[in-house]
Amino acid sequence: MVVPELRGWRAARPRLARLARPARDRLGRVVRSAAPRVVRLTAAARPRPGGPRTWQYTAGAAAAGLALAAGAVAAAGPWDSTGQRTAERDRAGAMERAGGADHGRGGRAPASFSDPSDASDASDPSDSGAGSDSGSGSGSGSGDGPDGGGAAPSAAPVLAAVGGGASVRPAAGGPSLASVLDPLLKDPALGARRSAVVVDAATGRRLYGQGAGDGFTPASTTKIATAVAALSALGPDHRFTTRAALAPGGREVVLVGGGDPTLTARRDAQGWAGLRTLADRTAAALARRGLTRVTLSYDTSLYAGPDLHPIGVNDNLARVTALTADEGRSDGSVGGPAPRAADPAAEAARAFGRFLAARGVHTADPVPGKAAARAQTLATVASPPLSAVVERMLTNSDNDIAEALARQTAAATGERTDFAGGARAIGARLAKLGLPLAGAAFHDGSGLDRADRLTPGLLTALLHEAAEPAHPELRPVLTGLPVAAFTGTLADRYAHDGAAGIVRAKTGTLTGVNALAGTAVDRDGRLLAFAFLTEGAPAPGAAQSALDKAATALAACGCG
């Protein structure tokens, strides 16, 4: 199973404290209103003439505690009496299936990441040093394969047995979504073109639509499509393997890139695959063979075609190669735009050579090469599961991971592993899922290419698909979305407008382009999926604020 973003929540602890203060008065009122009942309960449990009775004290204390707990839970909502969010209970109960399933990935689940790397990206990536909400965080994450647990019972019978309803409650009477969203989406700050769609995540039923089928430049919301395509093609437990091989003849070590965009040369790998670990294992394997001096080459043949994105050299994205360490960053950063190595594969190989030398294995300067079919594998390191990689990509809007996943999807589906092949593979996977592709066009995996087109209808369909019980493999698409006021590219947004922790969304920003797509729990406890796409905004900050207001209004609405 996917564990919530522990690192992100720890980092957000000060925000949590601020956000919790308004709840104290509400809880205080609940406790004060419960006080008379508590007094009556404790009075009833006082010892009668004839001596104190321990069971009476216990019963009175328990009753008082239950009364206070019930009040606190009611105030904290939206929860039901079982301690489950009503939105989750209703959604699960609505799905009448013969049997449940263990959708967990077992073992230690990966943490999500909280590097807010694109809060202010507003420049066209074609300009030097500018880009869309781009970044890359580093953090811990690992996971094991699925366990052997048996299938769980269906949700509806279980919830009915504890008093839960078996169908999704309609929203309480209130204003229509159109009356709430229409005025907000007319804000001139959003630019000349805007579109929006809202659907019930449980049923997929459209609740609001404005230009639902219109194609827009989606910027980084493209990563939602990339994530769905990669997870459906490879599966959430897939790992990317980097290996060292001994060429026939026994004197050449080949570092073979497996397309792991999270491979790191840092001393503390924090759960990601480490180049130092690979050097440790390789040196040990060579020592067993009595080898202390070898030549070193590196193999990037997993990927084909040009490695430079059509936008050209840009701090938001390294050259896309099957072998890279720390995303080719040359400044030691872990997120956001940064200068990149001119040849990330050669830099990674040189680092590997230095690590081998420190372990007693001497090499010459590495050169490009290719591992022969008969080469013997000396050692390997593997990334965490794809589920963790997808979460990191979405939370931090990581362009390097996105382009790697596009090419990995191409490799898994028989397409050429270049930019065009990755784009074709994404479209083909979404078509296989039956998603509405009219008006959509893919040219890369990250959304940096302005020729990309998505519709709000497709984005909400992707989010609904990720929530479907029939597709548990897509769940990391939802769990990886940044959390308002807490994680990733939303860490510094929504802190004071009531939507903190309630809205989760992928941001998208290019010059004149602002987008937001994700989920929100509304006032009635319904989980809604939404997509807002705009073009022509005169000022990125004002457009971002206008989109945030629309998402906040959606969360606050008990709309019919």
Protein backbone atom coordinates (compact mmCIF):
# COMPACT_ATOMS: atom_id res chain seq x y z
CA MET A 1 0.00 0.00 0.00
CA VAL A 2 1.04 3.60 -0.45
CA VAL A 3 2.00 5.33 2.77
CA PRO A 4 1.18 9.07 3.11
CA GLU A 5 3.97 11.57 2.52
CA LEU A 6 5.80 11.26 5.85
CA ARG A 7 8.68 13.56 4.88
CA GLY A 8 6.24 16.12 3.53
CA TRP A 9 4.11 16.08 6.64
CA ARG A 10 7.12 16.46 8.92
CA ALA A 11 8.26 19.44 6.92
CA ALA A 12 4.76 20.86 7.10
CA ARG A 13 4.46 20.57 10.89
CA PRO A 14 4.58 24.36 11.45
CA ARG A 15 1.79 24.81 8.91
CA LEU A 16 -0.23 22.11 10.63
CA ALA A 17 0.07 23.98 13.92
CA ARG A 18 -1.19 27.21 12.34
CA LEU A 19 -4.03 25.46 10.56
CA ALA A 20 -5.08 23.62 13.71
CA ARG A 21 -5.65 26.80 15.72
CA PRO A 22 -9.04 27.66 14.16
CA ALA A 23 -10.24 24.16 15.04
CA ARG A 24 -9.56 24.65 18.75
CA ASP A 25 -12.51 26.98 19.32
CA ARG A 26 -14.80 24.58 17.50
CA LEU A 27 -13.60 21.65 19.57
CA GLY A 28 -13.94 23.75 22.71
CA ARG A 29 -17.58 24.46 21.89
CA VAL A 30 -18.17 20.74 21.34
CA VAL A 31 -16.61 19.87 24.68
CA ARG A 32 -18.60 22.57 26.51
CA SER A 33 -21.83 21.36 24.93
CA ALA A 34 -21.01 17.83 26.02
CA ALA A 35 -20.22 18.84 29.59
CA PRO A 36 -23.77 18.53 31.01
CA ARG A 37 -24.05 15.05 29.57
CA VAL A 38 -20.70 14.11 31.07
CA VAL A 39 -21.82 15.40 34.49
CA ARG A 40 -24.99 13.31 34.31
CA LEU A 41 -23.05 10.23 33.28
CA THR A 42 -20.46 10.55 36.03
CA ALA A 43 -23.12 11.30 38.62
CA ALA A 44 -24.92 8.12 37.68
CA ALA A 45 -21.74 6.19 38.31
CA ARG A 46 -21.05 7.54 41.82
CA PRO A 47 -20.84 4.87 44.53
CA ARG A 48 -24.12 3.99 46.21
CA PRO A 49 -24.48 3.60 49.96
CA GLY A 50 -22.87 0.39 50.91
CA GLY A 51 -19.40 1.07 49.59
CA PRO A 52 -17.69 2.01 46.38
CA ARG A 53 -17.87 -0.32 43.41
CA THR A 54 -14.95 -0.25 40.97
CA TRP A 55 -17.02 -1.24 37.95
CA GLN A 56 -19.20 1.84 38.45
CA TYR A 57 -16.20 4.16 38.34
CA THR A 58 -14.98 2.40 35.20
CA ALA A 59 -18.36 2.59 33.49
CA GLY A 60 -18.74 6.28 34.27
CA ALA A 61 -15.28 7.15 33.02
CA ALA A 62 -15.80 5.15 29.85
CA ALA A 63 -19.14 6.79 29.13
CA ALA A 64 -17.68 10.26 29.66
CA GLY A 65 -14.76 9.48 27.37
CA LEU A 66 -17.07 8.18 24.66
CA ALA A 67 -19.19 11.29 24.81
CA LEU A 68 -16.18 13.58 24.45
CA ALA A 69 -14.70 11.44 21.68
CA ALA A 70 -17.94 11.49 19.73
CA GLY A 71 -18.05 15.26 19.94
CA ALA A 72 -14.45 15.66 18.83
CA VAL A 73 -14.92 13.34 15.86
CA ALA A 74 -18.05 15.17 14.80
CA ALA A 75 -16.17 18.45 14.91
CA ALA A 76 -13.21 17.15 12.96
CA GLY A 77 -15.27 15.73 10.06
CA PRO A 78 -16.11 14.73 7.51
CA TRP A 79 -15.91 11.36 9.27
CA ASP A 80 -18.40 8.62 10.00
CA SER A 81 -18.77 6.71 13.25
CA THR A 82 -16.30 4.05 12.13
CA GLY A 83 -13.50 6.57 11.89
CA GLN A 84 -13.48 6.52 8.10
CA ARG A 85 -13.81 9.55 5.87
CA THR A 86 -17.37 9.66 4.56
CA ALA A 87 -16.10 10.29 1.05
CA GLU A 88 -14.02 7.12 1.18
CA ARG A 89 -16.75 5.05 2.78
CA ASP A 90 -19.41 6.16 0.32
CA ARG A 91 -17.13 5.64 -2.64
CA ALA A 92 -16.17 2.14 -1.53
CA GLY A 93 -19.71 1.24 -0.69
CA ALA A 94 -20.93 2.29 -4.12
CA MET A 95 -18.72 -0.24 -5.85
CA GLU A 96 -20.67 -3.51 -5.68
CA ARG A 97 -18.10 -6.16 -6.48
CA ALA A 98 -17.97 -9.87 -5.78
CA GLY A 99 -14.79 -9.61 -3.79
CA GLY A 100 -12.10 -7.15 -2.86
CA ALA A 101 -8.40 -7.46 -3.41
CA ASP A 102 -5.19 -6.63 -1.68
CA HIS A 103 -3.99 -3.65 -3.68
CA GLY A 104 -0.90 -3.05 -1.54
CA ARG A 105 2.63 -3.29 -2.72
CA GLY A 106 3.82 -4.83 0.51
CA GLY A 107 6.94 -4.16 2.49
CA ARG A 108 8.18 -0.68 3.22
CA ALA A 109 6.16 1.76 1.22
CA PRO A 110 7.85 4.76 -0.34
CA ALA A 111 7.49 8.21 1.08
CA SER A 112 6.45 11.01 -1.19
CA PHE A 113 8.58 14.07 -1.54
CA SER A 114 8.14 17.67 -0.66
CA ASP A 115 10.59 19.79 -2.59
CA PRO A 116 8.54 22.83 -3.69
CA SER A 117 10.33 23.40 -6.93
CA ASP A 118 7.84 25.17 -9.16
CA ALA A 119 5.93 27.61 -7.02
CA SER A 120 6.93 30.54 -9.19
CA ASP A 121 7.90 29.10 -12.55
CA ALA A 122 6.36 31.48 -14.99
CA SER A 123 8.74 31.79 -17.89
CA ASP A 124 8.73 30.17 -21.27
CA PRO A 125 11.17 27.25 -21.23
CA SER A 126 12.41 28.36 -24.61
CA ASP A 127 13.96 31.31 -22.80
CA SER A 128 17.30 30.73 -21.18
CA GLY A 129 16.98 29.36 -17.68
CA ALA A 130 13.19 29.42 -17.64
CA GLY A 131 10.61 26.70 -17.61
CA SER A 132 7.36 25.14 -16.62
CA ASP A 133 6.76 24.00 -13.07
CA SER A 134 9.84 21.94 -13.05
CA GLY A 135 11.94 20.41 -10.43
CA SER A 136 13.21 17.30 -8.89
CA GLY A 137 13.28 16.38 -5.27
CA SER A 138 15.25 13.75 -3.56
CA GLY A 139 14.00 11.72 -0.69
CA SER A 140 13.75 8.27 0.72
CA GLY A 141 11.68 5.55 -0.79
CA SER A 142 11.79 1.83 -1.20
CA GLY A 143 9.38 -1.00 -1.53
CA ASP A 144 9.02 -4.71 -1.87
CA GLY A 145 6.84 -6.86 -4.02
CA PRO A 146 3.22 -7.64 -3.19
CA ASP A 147 2.57 -9.86 -0.26
CA GLY A 148 0.56 -13.01 -0.26
CA GLY A 149 -2.51 -11.71 1.50
CA GLY A 150 -5.86 -13.04 0.43
CA ALA A 151 -8.67 -11.08 -1.10
CA ALA A 152 -10.62 -8.75 1.14
CA PRO A 153 -14.41 -8.87 1.30
CA SER A 154 -16.41 -6.53 -0.89
CA ALA A 155 -16.85 -3.04 0.52
CA ALA A 156 -20.63 -2.81 0.33
CA PRO A 157 -21.52 -5.81 2.56
CA VAL A 158 -18.86 -4.92 5.12
CA LEU A 159 -19.95 -1.29 5.34
CA ALA A 160 -23.61 -2.24 5.45
CA ALA A 161 -22.83 -4.48 8.39
CA VAL A 162 -21.46 -1.55 10.38
CA GLY A 163 -24.26 0.76 9.39
CA GLY A 164 -22.59 2.41 6.39
CA GLY A 165 -24.63 3.16 3.31
CA ALA A 166 -23.94 1.22 0.14
CA SER A 167 -24.36 4.10 -2.28
CA VAL A 168 -22.87 7.55 -2.66
CA ARG A 169 -25.00 10.21 -1.04
CA PRO A 170 -26.03 13.05 -3.34
CA ALA A 171 -24.75 16.45 -2.35
CA ALA A 172 -26.87 18.36 0.10
CA GLY A 173 -29.15 21.04 -1.27
CA GLY A 174 -27.20 24.10 -2.18
CA PRO A 175 -26.09 26.31 -5.03
CA SER A 176 -25.27 24.79 -8.40
CA LEU A 177 -21.64 24.36 -9.35
CA ALA A 178 -22.21 26.65 -12.31
CA SER A 179 -23.34 29.48 -10.04
CA VAL A 180 -20.18 29.06 -7.96
CA LEU A 181 -17.57 28.48 -10.67
CA ASP A 182 -18.83 30.61 -13.56
CA PRO A 183 -18.05 33.97 -11.90
CA LEU A 184 -14.62 32.79 -10.78
CA LEU A 185 -13.68 31.48 -14.21
CA LYS A 186 -14.61 34.82 -15.77
CA ASP A 187 -11.74 36.46 -13.91
CA PRO A 188 -9.72 38.42 -16.53
CA ALA A 189 -6.55 37.25 -14.77
CA LEU A 190 -7.09 33.83 -16.37
CA GLY A 191 -6.53 35.18 -19.86
CA ALA A 192 -8.43 34.97 -23.12
CA ARG A 193 -9.15 31.23 -23.08
CA ARG A 194 -10.22 29.07 -20.19
CA SER A 195 -11.97 25.73 -19.71
CA ALA A 196 -13.02 23.62 -16.76
CA VAL A 197 -14.51 20.24 -15.95
CA VAL A 198 -15.58 18.77 -12.59
CA VAL A 199 -16.64 15.13 -12.17
CA ASP A 200 -17.67 12.94 -9.28
CA ALA A 201 -14.57 10.80 -8.76
CA ALA A 202 -16.66 7.86 -7.56
CA THR A 203 -18.94 7.64 -10.56
CA GLY A 204 -17.24 9.68 -13.27
CA ARG A 205 -20.45 11.69 -13.70
CA ARG A 206 -19.76 15.17 -15.01
CA LEU A 207 -20.99 17.85 -12.65
CA TYR A 208 -19.67 20.88 -14.50
CA GLY A 209 -18.24 21.54 -17.93
CA GLN A 210 -16.98 24.54 -19.85
CA GLY A 211 -15.03 23.77 -23.02
CA ALA A 212 -14.63 20.17 -21.91
CA GLY A 213 -13.37 18.98 -25.30
CA ASP A 214 -11.20 21.97 -26.17
CA GLY A 215 -7.50 21.30 -26.56
CA PHE A 216 -5.15 23.50 -24.51
CA THR A 217 -1.42 23.67 -23.93
CA PRO A 218 -1.37 21.69 -20.67
CA ALA A 219 2.15 22.43 -19.41
CA SER A 220 3.06 20.09 -16.54
CA THR A 221 -0.43 18.61 -16.14
CA THR A 222 0.81 16.42 -19.02
CA LYS A 223 2.61 14.44 -16.32
CA ILE A 224 -0.74 13.00 -15.19
CA ALA A 225 -1.11 11.37 -18.61
CA THR A 226 2.51 10.20 -18.55
CA ALA A 227 2.00 8.64 -15.13
CA VAL A 228 -1.14 6.75 -16.17
CA ALA A 229 0.54 5.48 -19.34
CA ALA A 230 3.69 4.31 -17.54
CA LEU A 231 1.84 2.59 -14.71
CA SER A 232 -0.52 0.81 -17.09
CA ALA A 233 2.35 -0.35 -19.32
CA LEU A 234 4.90 -1.33 -16.67
CA GLY A 235 2.93 -1.88 -13.45
CA PRO A 236 3.46 -0.15 -10.09
CA ASP A 237 6.06 -2.67 -8.88
CA HIS A 238 8.39 -2.30 -11.85
CA ARG A 239 11.96 -1.21 -11.04
CA PHE A 240 14.69 0.26 -13.23
CA THR A 241 18.01 -1.59 -12.98
CA THR A 242 21.51 -0.20 -13.50
CA ARG A 243 24.20 -2.85 -13.81
CA ALA A 244 27.92 -3.37 -14.18
CA ALA A 245 28.94 -6.13 -16.59
CA LEU A 246 32.26 -7.80 -17.34
CA ALA A 247 32.90 -7.96 -21.07
CA PRO A 248 34.13 -11.20 -22.68
CA GLY A 249 37.86 -11.32 -22.14
CA GLY A 250 37.53 -10.29 -18.52
CA ARG A 251 39.30 -6.93 -18.60
CA GLU A 252 36.55 -4.43 -19.42
CA VAL A 253 33.73 -3.31 -17.10
CA VAL A 254 30.67 -1.86 -18.82
CA LEU A 255 28.31 0.40 -16.86
CA VAL A 256 24.93 -0.30 -18.42
CA GLY A 257 22.27 2.36 -18.06
CA GLY A 258 18.78 1.05 -17.33
CA GLY A 259 16.98 4.36 -17.69
CA ASP A 260 16.68 5.00 -13.94
CA PRO A 261 16.08 8.75 -13.61
CA THR A 262 16.48 8.57 -9.83
CA LEU A 263 19.97 6.99 -9.75
CA THR A 264 22.16 9.01 -7.39
CA ALA A 265 25.87 9.40 -6.74
CA ARG A 266 25.28 11.03 -3.36
CA ARG A 267 26.75 9.45 -0.26
CA ASP A 268 23.28 9.20 1.28
CA ALA A 269 21.11 7.65 -1.40
CA GLN A 270 18.01 8.00 0.82
CA GLY A 271 16.46 4.80 -0.50
CA TRP A 272 17.09 5.44 -4.20
CA ALA A 273 19.51 3.33 -6.24
CA GLY A 274 23.07 4.43 -5.43
CA LEU A 275 26.03 4.54 -7.78
CA ARG A 276 28.30 4.10 -4.74
CA THR A 277 26.46 0.93 -3.79
CA LEU A 278 26.92 -0.38 -7.31
CA ALA A 279 30.65 0.40 -7.05
CA ASP A 280 30.84 -1.48 -3.73
CA ARG A 281 29.26 -4.57 -5.25
CA THR A 282 31.25 -4.35 -8.46
CA ALA A 283 34.58 -4.00 -6.63
CA ALA A 284 33.72 -7.01 -4.49
CA ALA A 285 32.86 -9.07 -7.57
CA LEU A 286 36.11 -8.06 -9.27
CA ALA A 287 38.11 -8.87 -6.13
CA ARG A 288 36.70 -12.39 -6.18
CA ARG A 289 38.12 -12.68 -9.70
CA GLY A 290 41.45 -11.21 -8.67
CA LEU A 291 41.00 -8.10 -10.82
CA THR A 292 42.25 -4.71 -9.61
CA ARG A 293 42.79 -2.94 -12.96
CA VAL A 294 40.17 -2.78 -15.75
CA THR A 295 39.04 -0.53 -18.55
CA LEU A 296 35.66 1.17 -18.14
CA SER A 297 32.97 1.93 -20.70
CA TYR A 298 29.32 2.93 -20.47
CA ASP A 299 26.28 1.75 -22.42
CA THR A 300 23.30 4.05 -23.09
CA SER A 301 21.78 2.00 -25.92
CA LEU A 302 18.44 1.51 -24.14
CA TYR A 303 17.35 4.91 -25.51
CA ALA A 304 17.45 6.00 -29.14
CA GLY A 305 17.31 9.25 -31.05
CA PRO A 306 18.35 12.75 -29.96
CA ASP A 307 18.84 13.27 -26.24
CA LEU A 308 18.17 17.02 -26.35
CA HIS A 309 14.55 18.12 -25.85
CA PRO A 310 13.07 20.25 -28.66
CA ILE A 311 13.19 23.31 -26.37
CA GLY A 312 17.00 23.06 -26.44
CA VAL A 313 19.47 23.40 -23.60
CA ASN A 314 17.46 24.35 -20.54
CA ASP A 315 17.95 24.31 -16.79
CA ASN A 316 14.62 22.53 -16.35
CA LEU A 317 15.72 19.31 -18.03
CA ALA A 318 18.94 17.38 -18.60
CA ARG A 319 19.71 15.56 -21.81
CA VAL A 320 17.56 12.44 -21.80
CA THR A 321 19.85 9.43 -21.57
CA ALA A 322 19.58 5.91 -20.19
CA LEU A 323 22.46 6.60 -17.80
CA THR A 324 22.43 9.62 -15.53
CA ALA A 325 23.12 10.33 -11.88
CA ASP A 326 21.33 13.05 -9.92
CA GLU A 327 19.64 14.18 -13.14
CA GLY A 328 22.93 15.52 -14.44
CA ARG A 329 22.83 18.45 -12.00
CA SER A 330 26.19 20.17 -11.86
CA ASP A 331 25.51 22.41 -8.87
CA GLY A 332 24.69 19.78 -6.23
CA SER A 333 21.03 20.80 -6.06
CA VAL A 334 18.21 18.34 -5.51
CA GLY A 335 15.32 20.26 -7.04
CA GLY A 336 14.27 23.11 -9.28
CA PRO A 337 16.02 24.52 -12.33
CA ALA A 338 19.77 23.92 -12.32
CA PRO A 339 22.72 23.87 -14.72
CA ARG A 340 23.15 20.41 -16.20
CA ALA A 341 26.11 18.37 -17.41
CA ALA A 342 26.78 18.56 -21.12
CA ASP A 343 27.05 14.74 -21.16
CA PRO A 344 25.22 13.25 -18.13
CA ALA A 345 26.12 9.65 -19.05
CA ALA A 346 29.85 10.39 -19.23
CA GLU A 347 29.67 12.27 -15.92
CA ALA A 348 27.94 9.32 -14.24
CA ALA A 349 30.54 6.91 -15.63
CA ARG A 350 33.41 9.10 -14.42
CA ALA A 351 31.85 9.20 -10.94
CA PHE A 352 31.55 5.40 -11.03
CA GLY A 353 35.22 5.14 -11.97
CA ARG A 354 36.20 7.33 -9.02
CA PHE A 355 34.13 5.17 -6.67
CA LEU A 356 35.83 2.01 -8.01
CA ALA A 357 39.26 3.59 -7.52
CA ALA A 358 38.40 4.38 -3.91
CA ARG A 359 37.65 0.68 -3.51
CA GLY A 360 40.93 -0.51 -4.98
CA VAL A 361 39.93 -0.97 -8.62
CA HIS A 362 41.84 1.25 -11.06
CA THR A 363 40.29 2.29 -14.38
CA ALA A 364 41.12 4.56 -17.29
CA ASP A 365 38.82 7.43 -18.29
CA PRO A 366 35.50 5.84 -19.37
CA VAL A 367 34.46 5.74 -23.02
CA PRO A 368 31.11 4.99 -24.71
CA GLY A 369 30.54 1.30 -25.43
CA LYS A 370 27.95 -1.46 -25.53
CA ALA A 371 27.64 -4.54 -23.38
CA ALA A 372 27.87 -7.71 -25.42
CA ALA A 373 25.19 -10.34 -25.09
CA ARG A 374 27.77 -12.63 -23.48
CA ALA A 375 28.85 -10.04 -20.88
CA GLN A 376 28.60 -11.33 -17.32
CA THR A 377 26.66 -9.21 -14.84
CA LEU A 378 28.90 -8.28 -11.90
CA ALA A 379 26.46 -6.24 -9.84
CA THR A 380 23.16 -4.36 -10.03
CA VAL A 381 21.19 -1.71 -8.20
CA ALA A 382 17.47 -1.14 -8.71
CA SER A 383 15.22 1.84 -8.22
CA PRO A 384 12.31 1.80 -5.80
CA PRO A 385 9.03 0.62 -7.38
CA LEU A 386 7.56 2.68 -10.21
CA SER A 387 4.79 3.73 -7.81
CA ALA A 388 7.35 5.71 -5.77
CA VAL A 389 8.99 7.14 -8.87
CA VAL A 390 5.61 8.34 -10.19
CA GLU A 391 4.77 9.95 -6.86
CA ARG A 392 8.07 11.81 -6.83
CA MET A 393 7.50 12.99 -10.40
CA LEU A 394 4.03 14.34 -9.69
CA THR A 395 4.74 15.86 -6.29
CA ASN A 396 7.81 17.74 -7.49
CA SER A 397 6.81 18.20 -11.15
CA ASP A 398 10.03 16.46 -12.14
CA ASN A 399 10.66 16.86 -15.88
CA ASP A 400 13.61 14.44 -15.95
CA ILE A 401 11.54 11.62 -14.50
CA ALA A 402 8.66 12.42 -16.85
CA GLU A 403 10.80 12.14 -19.98
CA ALA A 404 12.38 8.93 -18.70
CA LEU A 405 8.94 7.42 -18.06
CA ALA A 406 7.81 8.32 -21.57
CA ARG A 407 10.77 6.40 -23.02
CA GLN A 408 10.30 3.49 -20.63
CA THR A 409 6.67 3.29 -21.75
CA ALA A 410 7.88 3.22 -25.35
CA ALA A 411 10.35 0.43 -24.55
CA ALA A 412 7.62 -1.61 -22.83
CA THR A 413 5.22 -1.27 -25.74
CA GLY A 414 7.54 -1.78 -28.70
CA GLU A 415 7.86 1.85 -29.75
CA ARG A 416 11.16 3.51 -30.61
CA THR A 417 12.66 4.92 -27.41
CA ASP A 418 12.95 8.56 -28.48
CA PHE A 419 10.80 11.64 -27.93
CA ALA A 420 8.36 10.78 -30.73
CA GLY A 421 8.14 7.13 -29.71
CA GLY A 422 7.47 8.06 -26.09
CA ALA A 423 4.68 10.40 -27.17
CA ARG A 424 3.11 7.70 -29.37
CA ALA A 425 3.34 5.19 -26.53
CA ILE A 426 1.54 7.51 -24.11
CA GLY A 427 -1.31 8.09 -26.55
CA ALA A 428 -1.59 4.39 -27.35
CA ARG A 429 -1.77 3.37 -23.68
CA LEU A 430 -4.49 5.92 -22.97
CA ALA A 431 -6.43 4.77 -26.01
CA LYS A 432 -6.20 1.19 -24.75
CA LEU A 433 -7.80 2.34 -21.50
CA GLY A 434 -10.68 3.81 -23.49
CA LEU A 435 -9.98 7.41 -22.48
CA PRO A 436 -11.32 10.34 -24.57
CA LEU A 437 -8.40 11.46 -26.74
CA ALA A 438 -10.21 13.78 -29.16
CA GLY A 439 -8.42 17.13 -29.08
CA ALA A 440 -5.30 15.69 -27.41
CA ALA A 441 -1.78 15.59 -28.85
CA PHE A 442 1.42 14.36 -27.21
CA HIS A 443 4.94 15.45 -28.10
CA ASP A 444 6.82 14.70 -24.89
CA GLY A 445 6.28 13.33 -21.38
CA SER A 446 6.91 16.45 -19.31
CA GLY A 447 4.70 19.11 -20.89
CA LEU A 448 7.62 21.38 -21.74
CA ASP A 449 6.71 21.16 -25.43
CA ARG A 450 4.17 23.85 -26.30
CA ALA A 451 2.77 21.65 -29.07
CA ASP A 452 1.25 19.31 -26.47
CA ARG A 453 -2.54 19.47 -26.21
CA LEU A 454 -4.87 18.09 -23.54
CA THR A 455 -8.55 18.70 -22.82
CA PRO A 456 -10.02 19.16 -19.35
CA GLY A 457 -12.32 16.25 -20.15
CA LEU A 458 -9.32 13.97 -20.68
CA LEU A 459 -7.59 15.14 -17.49
CA THR A 460 -10.64 14.44 -15.33
CA ALA A 461 -11.10 11.09 -17.08
CA LEU A 462 -7.49 10.22 -16.18
CA LEU A 463 -8.10 11.11 -12.53
CA HIS A 464 -11.34 9.13 -12.45
CA GLU A 465 -9.57 6.14 -14.02
CA ALA A 466 -6.89 6.33 -11.33
CA ALA A 467 -9.62 6.15 -8.68
CA GLU A 468 -11.37 3.15 -10.21
CA PRO A 469 -11.29 -0.09 -8.16
CA ALA A 470 -10.63 -1.91 -11.44
CA HIS A 471 -7.28 -0.09 -11.77
CA PRO A 472 -5.42 -0.23 -8.45
CA GLU A 473 -2.17 -0.02 -10.40
CA LEU A 474 -3.00 3.61 -11.20
CA ARG A 475 -3.52 4.72 -7.60
CA PRO A 476 -0.08 6.44 -7.33
CA VAL A 477 -1.43 9.05 -9.75
CA LEU A 478 -3.71 10.25 -6.94
CA THR A 479 -1.35 9.71 -4.02
CA GLY A 480 1.42 11.57 -5.84
CA LEU A 481 -0.56 14.77 -6.38
CA PRO A 482 0.79 17.68 -4.31
CA VAL A 483 -1.25 18.45 -1.19
CA ALA A 484 -2.45 22.02 -0.77
CA ALA A 485 -0.28 23.93 1.72
CA PHE A 486 1.83 20.87 2.52
CA THR A 487 3.77 19.14 -0.25
CA GLY A 488 5.55 19.68 -3.51
CA THR A 489 4.46 22.41 -5.87
CA LEU A 490 1.48 23.31 -3.64
CA ALA A 491 3.51 23.59 -0.44
CA ASP A 492 3.33 27.39 -0.46
CA ARG A 493 -0.23 27.73 -1.71
CA TYR A 494 -3.65 27.53 0.00
CA ALA A 495 -2.26 28.10 3.50
CA HIS A 496 -4.89 30.67 4.48
CA ASP A 497 -7.98 29.98 2.39
CA GLY A 498 -9.51 26.86 3.99
CA ALA A 499 -8.45 24.38 1.30
CA ALA A 500 -5.24 23.24 2.98
CA GLY A 501 -5.04 19.45 2.96
CA ILE A 502 -8.34 19.19 1.08
CA VAL A 503 -7.18 20.03 -2.44
CA ARG A 504 -4.59 17.84 -4.16
CA ALA A 505 -3.55 18.94 -7.63
CA LYS A 506 -0.92 18.93 -10.36
CA THR A 507 0.15 22.39 -11.40
CA GLY A 508 1.07 23.53 -14.90
CA THR A 509 2.87 26.75 -15.80
CA LEU A 510 4.41 28.13 -18.97
CA THR A 511 4.49 31.73 -20.17
CA GLY A 512 0.81 32.62 -20.67
CA VAL A 513 -0.31 29.11 -19.67
CA ASN A 514 -1.72 28.21 -16.25
CA ALA A 515 -3.34 24.89 -15.38
CA LEU A 516 -4.50 22.99 -12.32
CA ALA A 517 -5.89 19.44 -12.25
CA GLY A 518 -6.55 17.22 -9.28
CA THR A 519 -9.03 16.28 -6.59
CA ALA A 520 -10.91 17.98 -3.78
CA VAL A 521 -13.20 16.75 -1.01
CA ASP A 522 -16.26 18.99 -0.97
CA ARG A 523 -18.34 20.06 2.03
CA ASP A 524 -20.55 16.97 1.72
CA GLY A 525 -17.59 14.60 1.77
CA ARG A 526 -17.68 13.83 -1.95
CA LEU A 527 -14.38 13.32 -3.75
CA LEU A 528 -14.39 15.46 -6.88
CA ALA A 529 -11.92 15.46 -9.76
CA PHE A 530 -11.37 18.74 -11.57
CA ALA A 531 -9.29 20.29 -14.35
CA PHE A 532 -8.85 24.00 -15.07
CA LEU A 533 -6.89 24.98 -18.21
CA THR A 534 -6.18 28.56 -19.29
CA GLU A 535 -4.17 30.39 -21.93
CA GLY A 536 -3.22 34.02 -22.45
CA ALA A 537 -2.92 35.06 -18.81
CA PRO A 538 -1.22 38.48 -18.57
CA ALA A 539 0.38 37.79 -15.18
CA PRO A 540 1.23 34.30 -13.90
CA GLY A 541 0.82 35.15 -10.21
CA ALA A 542 -2.67 36.55 -10.67
CA ALA A 543 -3.71 33.59 -12.83
CA GLN A 544 -2.42 31.14 -10.23
CA SER A 545 -4.36 32.94 -7.51
CA ALA A 546 -7.54 32.83 -9.60
CA LEU A 547 -7.20 29.08 -10.15
CA ASP A 548 -6.59 28.55 -6.45
CA LYS A 549 -9.78 30.47 -5.64
CA ALA A 550 -11.75 28.23 -8.00
CA ALA A 551 -10.37 25.06 -6.41
CA THR A 552 -11.05 26.43 -2.92
CA ALA A 553 -14.63 27.29 -3.86
CA LEU A 554 -15.07 23.77 -5.19
CA ALA A 555 -13.92 22.28 -1.89
CA ALA A 556 -16.14 24.61 0.14
CA CYS A 557 -19.24 23.97 -1.97
CA GLY A 558 -22.05 21.63 -1.01
CA CYS A 559 -23.34 22.04 -4.53
CA GLY A 560 -26.18 20.13 -6.07
